[in-house]
Amino acid sequence: MDRQPVLIGERLVLRPLRDDDWQALYAVASDPQLWARHPMHDRWQEPVFRAFFADALAQGGALVVTERSTGAVIGSSRFQGHDPADGGSVEIGWTFLARQHWGSGLNAEMKRLMLVHAFRFVERVLFRVGEDNVISRRAMEKIGGRLLDEEERIATDRGEIVHVVYEIHRALFAAGPLARP
C-alpha cells in the first residue's frame, strides 16, 4: 500500500509531508485551543510538536493537508500500521485541522479521500481516538465509524492515555455517509 500518495479532492490536496513543511504546519499546530480536548493537550508547544513532526517524518505515511485553491497548509493526517494479513488493515490518525476549518466539511472530505485510497488495498481501516476527545469521537460517528469493544492504553510521563478504537469496513463504506463526495 502506498501510504504517502497525493490525493486530490474538491477543496483539498493531501500530499506527503516534507521537512520544509515544518514552519507552515507548526503555524497551524501552535494554537493551544486546537489541542484542548486532545489527549496530548500540550502538542501546541514547539518542543512537543517538534517531536510529533519528527515522528511523522520517521514513520512515513504522513500527509500534509492543503487548500486546493490557495495551497495553504491547514493540517495533517497519517496512514500507519498497515497490516496486509486477513484482507488487510491500516490505521488513519494523528489528524488535525486548523480551527477555522472545523465544521466546514473538510475533515469529511479528507477522510473520504484517505478511505477511498486505503480501500484499494485493505478491507478495513482503524481509527484510535482519545477516550475523552468528544469532538473527534463525534466526527468518527458522523463519517460512519463503528466503535469496537477495544481500547489502547498508553503510559506517558503525564499519566495513562486511553484510546478507543473505531473501524470502517470496505463494504460498509460503499453504503456509508462518505461513499460519494
Protein backbone atom coordinates (compact mmCIF):
# COMPACT_ATOMS: atom_id res chain seq x y z
CA MET A 1 0.00 0.00 0.00
CA ASP A 2 1.28 3.45 -0.87
CA ARG A 3 1.00 5.28 2.47
CA GLN A 4 2.10 8.62 1.02
CA PRO A 5 0.00 9.23 -2.08
CA VAL A 6 -1.09 12.55 -3.49
CA LEU A 7 -4.87 12.74 -3.05
CA ILE A 8 -6.85 15.50 -4.74
CA GLY A 9 -10.36 16.40 -3.71
CA GLU A 10 -12.79 19.16 -4.48
CA ARG A 11 -11.30 21.55 -1.91
CA LEU A 12 -8.23 19.74 -0.57
CA VAL A 13 -4.93 18.28 -1.68
CA LEU A 14 -3.19 15.77 0.57
CA ARG A 15 0.46 15.14 -0.23
CA PRO A 16 3.46 13.55 1.52
CA LEU A 17 4.80 15.53 4.47
CA ARG A 18 8.27 17.03 3.89
CA ASP A 19 10.91 18.60 6.16
CA ASP A 20 10.20 22.01 4.67
CA ASP A 21 6.55 21.83 5.85
CA TRP A 22 7.67 22.46 9.44
CA GLN A 23 7.02 26.18 9.64
CA ALA A 24 3.62 26.16 7.92
CA LEU A 25 2.39 23.12 9.83
CA TYR A 26 3.60 24.43 13.18
CA ALA A 27 1.80 27.72 12.46
CA VAL A 28 -1.43 25.67 12.41
CA ALA A 29 -0.49 23.41 15.34
CA SER A 30 0.65 26.23 17.64
CA ASP A 31 -2.97 27.09 18.52
CA PRO A 32 -3.50 25.81 22.11
CA GLN A 33 -7.26 25.56 21.57
CA LEU A 34 -6.70 23.09 18.74
CA TRP A 35 -5.41 20.56 21.29
CA ALA A 36 -7.59 21.44 24.29
CA ARG A 37 -9.67 18.22 24.13
CA HIS A 38 -6.91 16.07 22.69
CA PRO A 39 -5.11 13.57 24.97
CA MET A 40 -1.83 15.33 24.11
CA HIS A 41 -3.18 18.76 25.01
CA ASP A 42 0.31 20.31 25.08
CA ARG A 43 1.09 19.49 21.45
CA TRP A 44 0.85 23.20 20.61
CA GLN A 45 4.16 23.74 22.41
CA GLU A 46 7.09 23.80 19.99
CA PRO A 47 9.24 21.04 21.59
CA VAL A 48 6.24 18.71 21.83
CA PHE A 49 5.13 19.42 18.27
CA ARG A 50 8.70 19.10 17.01
CA ALA A 51 8.78 15.52 18.38
CA PHE A 52 5.38 14.82 16.77
CA PHE A 53 6.63 16.21 13.43
CA ALA A 54 9.88 14.23 13.58
CA ASP A 55 7.94 11.04 14.35
CA ALA A 56 5.59 11.71 11.42
CA LEU A 57 8.55 12.02 9.05
CA ALA A 58 10.29 8.95 10.51
CA GLN A 59 7.21 6.70 10.41
CA GLY A 60 6.28 7.52 6.83
CA GLY A 61 2.63 7.67 5.90
CA ALA A 62 2.23 11.31 6.99
CA LEU A 63 0.32 13.65 4.73
CA VAL A 64 0.08 17.42 4.83
CA VAL A 65 -3.36 18.85 4.08
CA THR A 66 -3.55 21.93 1.87
CA GLU A 67 -6.36 24.03 0.49
CA ARG A 68 -6.63 23.28 -3.20
CA SER A 69 -7.50 26.88 -4.14
CA THR A 70 -4.65 28.57 -2.26
CA GLY A 71 -2.08 25.87 -1.47
CA ALA A 72 -2.18 26.94 2.19
CA VAL A 73 -1.25 24.27 4.74
CA ILE A 74 -4.24 23.67 7.03
CA GLY A 75 -3.48 20.36 8.74
CA SER A 76 -2.09 16.86 8.63
CA SER A 77 -3.05 13.19 8.89
CA ARG A 78 -1.34 9.79 8.61
CA PHE A 79 -1.67 6.27 7.33
CA GLN A 80 0.06 4.00 9.80
CA GLY A 81 0.24 0.38 10.90
CA HIS A 82 -0.51 -1.22 7.53
CA ASP A 83 -1.09 -4.94 8.04
CA PRO A 84 -1.71 -6.98 4.87
CA ALA A 85 -2.92 -10.09 6.75
CA ASP A 86 -6.55 -11.25 6.54
CA GLY A 87 -7.64 -8.82 3.84
CA GLY A 88 -5.51 -6.06 5.24
CA SER A 89 -5.97 -3.11 7.55
CA VAL A 90 -4.43 0.29 8.04
CA GLU A 91 -4.88 3.00 10.64
CA ILE A 92 -5.79 6.57 9.81
CA GLY A 93 -4.99 9.02 12.55
CA TRP A 94 -2.88 11.79 14.05
CA THR A 95 -5.24 14.13 12.22
CA PHE A 96 -5.67 17.81 12.90
CA LEU A 97 -7.12 20.75 11.01
CA ALA A 98 -6.85 24.47 11.69
CA ARG A 99 -9.80 25.51 13.87
CA GLN A 100 -11.17 27.93 11.27
CA HIS A 101 -11.94 24.84 9.16
CA TRP A 102 -13.81 22.93 11.85
CA GLY A 103 -17.42 22.30 10.88
CA SER A 104 -16.68 23.12 7.23
CA GLY A 105 -16.89 19.55 5.89
CA LEU A 106 -13.13 19.47 5.19
CA ASN A 107 -12.48 16.71 7.74
CA ALA A 108 -15.09 14.57 5.98
CA GLU A 109 -13.51 15.33 2.59
CA MET A 110 -10.05 14.45 3.91
CA LYS A 111 -11.25 11.20 5.45
CA ARG A 112 -13.18 10.28 2.28
CA LEU A 113 -10.05 10.79 0.16
CA MET A 114 -7.97 8.70 2.55
CA LEU A 115 -10.58 5.95 2.86
CA VAL A 116 -11.09 5.65 -0.90
CA HIS A 117 -7.32 5.29 -1.28
CA ALA A 118 -7.00 2.80 1.60
CA PHE A 119 -9.83 0.59 0.37
CA ARG A 120 -7.94 -0.01 -2.86
CA PHE A 121 -5.55 -2.09 -0.70
CA VAL A 122 -7.26 -3.16 2.55
CA GLU A 123 -10.58 -4.47 3.85
CA ARG A 124 -10.76 -2.31 6.97
CA VAL A 125 -9.49 0.96 8.36
CA LEU A 126 -8.97 1.61 12.07
CA PHE A 127 -9.04 4.89 13.97
CA ARG A 128 -7.75 5.37 17.53
CA VAL A 129 -9.37 8.28 19.32
CA GLY A 130 -8.74 9.68 22.79
CA GLU A 131 -11.45 8.34 25.09
CA ASP A 132 -12.39 11.85 26.26
CA ASN A 133 -11.97 13.56 22.87
CA VAL A 134 -15.68 14.20 22.32
CA ILE A 135 -15.16 16.24 19.15
CA SER A 136 -13.16 13.50 17.40
CA ARG A 137 -15.49 10.76 18.62
CA ARG A 138 -18.49 12.66 17.25
CA ALA A 139 -16.64 13.14 13.95
CA MET A 140 -15.95 9.38 13.76
CA GLU A 141 -19.62 8.56 14.24
CA LYS A 142 -20.58 11.16 11.63
CA ILE A 143 -18.38 9.51 8.99
CA GLY A 144 -19.67 6.01 9.71
CA GLY A 145 -17.06 4.71 12.16
CA ARG A 146 -18.19 1.79 14.31
CA LEU A 147 -16.93 1.78 17.90
CA LEU A 148 -15.22 -1.51 18.77
CA ASP A 149 -15.07 -3.04 22.21
CA GLU A 150 -11.34 -2.36 22.22
CA GLU A 151 -9.10 0.14 23.97
CA GLU A 152 -5.47 1.01 23.85
CA ARG A 153 -3.75 2.26 26.99
CA ILE A 154 -0.54 4.20 26.62
CA ALA A 155 1.69 5.09 29.56
CA THR A 156 3.18 8.58 29.23
CA ASP A 157 5.11 10.85 31.56
CA ARG A 158 1.77 12.68 32.05
CA GLY A 159 -0.07 9.52 33.06
CA GLU A 160 -2.04 6.90 31.18
CA ILE A 161 -3.86 7.85 27.99
CA VAL A 162 -6.80 5.72 26.90
CA HIS A 163 -7.80 5.47 23.23
CA VAL A 164 -10.95 3.84 21.93
CA VAL A 165 -10.93 2.16 18.52
CA TYR A 166 -13.31 2.70 15.62
CA GLU A 167 -13.36 0.83 12.33
CA ILE A 168 -14.84 1.19 8.88
CA HIS A 169 -15.04 -1.84 6.58
CA ARG A 170 -14.79 -1.54 2.81
CA ALA A 171 -18.30 -2.98 2.24
CA LEU A 172 -19.89 -0.64 4.80
CA PHE A 173 -18.02 2.34 3.42
CA ALA A 174 -19.62 1.82 0.00
CA ALA A 175 -23.06 2.40 1.55
CA GLY A 176 -21.96 4.92 4.19
CA PRO A 177 -22.03 8.69 4.50
CA LEU A 178 -18.63 9.27 2.82
CA ALA A 179 -19.07 6.98 -0.19
CA ARG A 180 -19.65 9.92 -2.54
CA PRO A 181 -18.35 13.48 -2.48
